[in-house]
Amino acid sequence: MKKDIHPKNYRQVIFADNSSGTKFLIPSTIETKTTEKWTDGKDYSVHHVEISSASHPFYTNQEKTIDTAGRVEKFKTRLAKAAKK
């Protein structure tokens, strides 16, 4: 194998899905500010994601609306304004 092909900050990181509460331990170089204990008792950096394979409708075969940025409400407001005109 080639030596020194990975960046220096390549390490195990916990990716926590905010929608389902599922957590994955995956190697990554992403910058994080918090740490959390994993099932093996060690502390790892944590990165929170809004959606992952544990909550995405394609993988779960369940249709649901995940709106964390208020996009649905903004769309409904624009639609109501357009309907008045």
Protein backbone atom coordinates (compact mmCIF):
# COMPACT_ATOMS: atom_id res chain seq x y z
CA MET A 1 0.00 0.00 0.00
CA LYS A 2 1.10 3.55 -0.59
CA LYS A 3 2.26 5.46 2.46
CA ASP A 4 0.97 8.87 3.47
CA ILE A 5 -1.96 9.00 1.05
CA HIS A 6 -4.53 10.05 3.67
CA PRO A 7 -4.68 13.53 5.21
CA LYS A 8 -3.29 13.93 8.73
CA ASN A 9 -6.75 14.45 10.29
CA TYR A 10 -8.22 11.20 8.85
CA ARG A 11 -9.86 9.56 11.88
CA GLN A 12 -13.02 7.84 13.11
CA VAL A 13 -15.99 10.22 13.41
CA ILE A 14 -19.51 9.61 14.72
CA PHE A 15 -22.18 10.78 12.27
CA ALA A 16 -25.43 11.32 14.20
CA ASP A 17 -28.68 11.44 12.20
CA ASN A 18 -30.94 14.09 13.78
CA SER A 19 -34.08 12.67 12.12
CA SER A 20 -33.86 9.07 13.31
CA GLY A 21 -31.33 9.21 16.16
CA THR A 22 -29.13 6.62 14.43
CA LYS A 23 -25.37 6.98 14.75
CA PHE A 24 -22.61 5.68 12.46
CA LEU A 25 -18.87 5.43 13.19
CA ILE A 26 -17.09 6.19 9.91
CA PRO A 27 -13.56 7.34 9.01
CA SER A 28 -13.59 10.98 7.89
CA THR A 29 -11.63 14.23 7.71
CA ILE A 30 -14.59 16.49 8.57
CA GLU A 31 -13.96 19.22 11.14
CA THR A 32 -16.03 18.88 14.32
CA LYS A 33 -16.30 20.73 17.63
CA THR A 34 -17.91 18.16 19.93
CA THR A 35 -17.05 14.66 21.08
CA GLU A 36 -19.14 11.76 22.33
CA LYS A 37 -18.57 8.29 23.75
CA TRP A 38 -19.12 5.39 21.37
CA THR A 39 -20.18 1.87 22.40
CA ASP A 40 -16.54 0.85 22.80
CA GLY A 41 -16.10 3.48 25.56
CA LYS A 42 -13.78 5.74 23.54
CA ASP A 43 -14.44 9.41 22.75
CA TYR A 44 -14.87 10.31 19.08
CA SER A 45 -15.65 13.54 17.25
CA VAL A 46 -19.34 13.96 16.39
CA HIS A 47 -20.93 15.48 13.29
CA HIS A 48 -24.73 15.89 13.15
CA VAL A 49 -26.53 15.37 9.84
CA GLU A 50 -30.15 16.07 8.96
CA ILE A 51 -30.69 12.94 6.89
CA SER A 52 -28.84 9.66 6.30
CA SER A 53 -29.60 6.21 4.97
CA ALA A 54 -31.39 5.50 8.27
CA SER A 55 -33.98 8.22 7.62
CA HIS A 56 -33.98 8.79 3.84
CA PRO A 57 -37.27 7.73 2.17
CA PHE A 58 -35.44 5.84 -0.58
CA TYR A 59 -33.80 3.49 1.94
CA THR A 60 -36.61 3.31 4.52
CA ASN A 61 -39.49 3.01 2.00
CA GLN A 62 -41.46 5.52 4.11
CA GLU A 63 -42.59 8.86 2.77
CA LYS A 64 -42.20 11.75 5.18
CA THR A 65 -41.42 15.44 4.99
CA ILE A 66 -38.30 16.61 6.76
CA ASP A 67 -38.24 20.39 6.89
CA THR A 68 -35.52 21.83 9.05
CA ALA A 69 -35.00 25.06 7.15
CA GLY A 70 -38.67 26.11 6.87
CA ARG A 71 -38.77 25.56 3.11
CA VAL A 72 -42.28 24.09 3.14
CA GLU A 73 -43.72 27.07 5.03
CA LYS A 74 -41.97 29.51 2.68
CA PHE A 75 -43.41 27.67 -0.32
CA LYS A 76 -46.92 27.67 1.14
CA THR A 77 -46.66 31.41 1.83
CA ARG A 78 -45.57 32.12 -1.75
CA LEU A 79 -48.34 29.87 -3.07
CA ALA A 80 -50.97 31.70 -0.99
CA LYS A 81 -49.73 35.09 -2.26
CA ALA A 82 -49.84 33.86 -5.85
CA ALA A 83 -53.37 32.52 -5.40
CA LYS A 84 -54.61 35.93 -4.18
CA LYS A 85 -53.37 37.61 -7.38
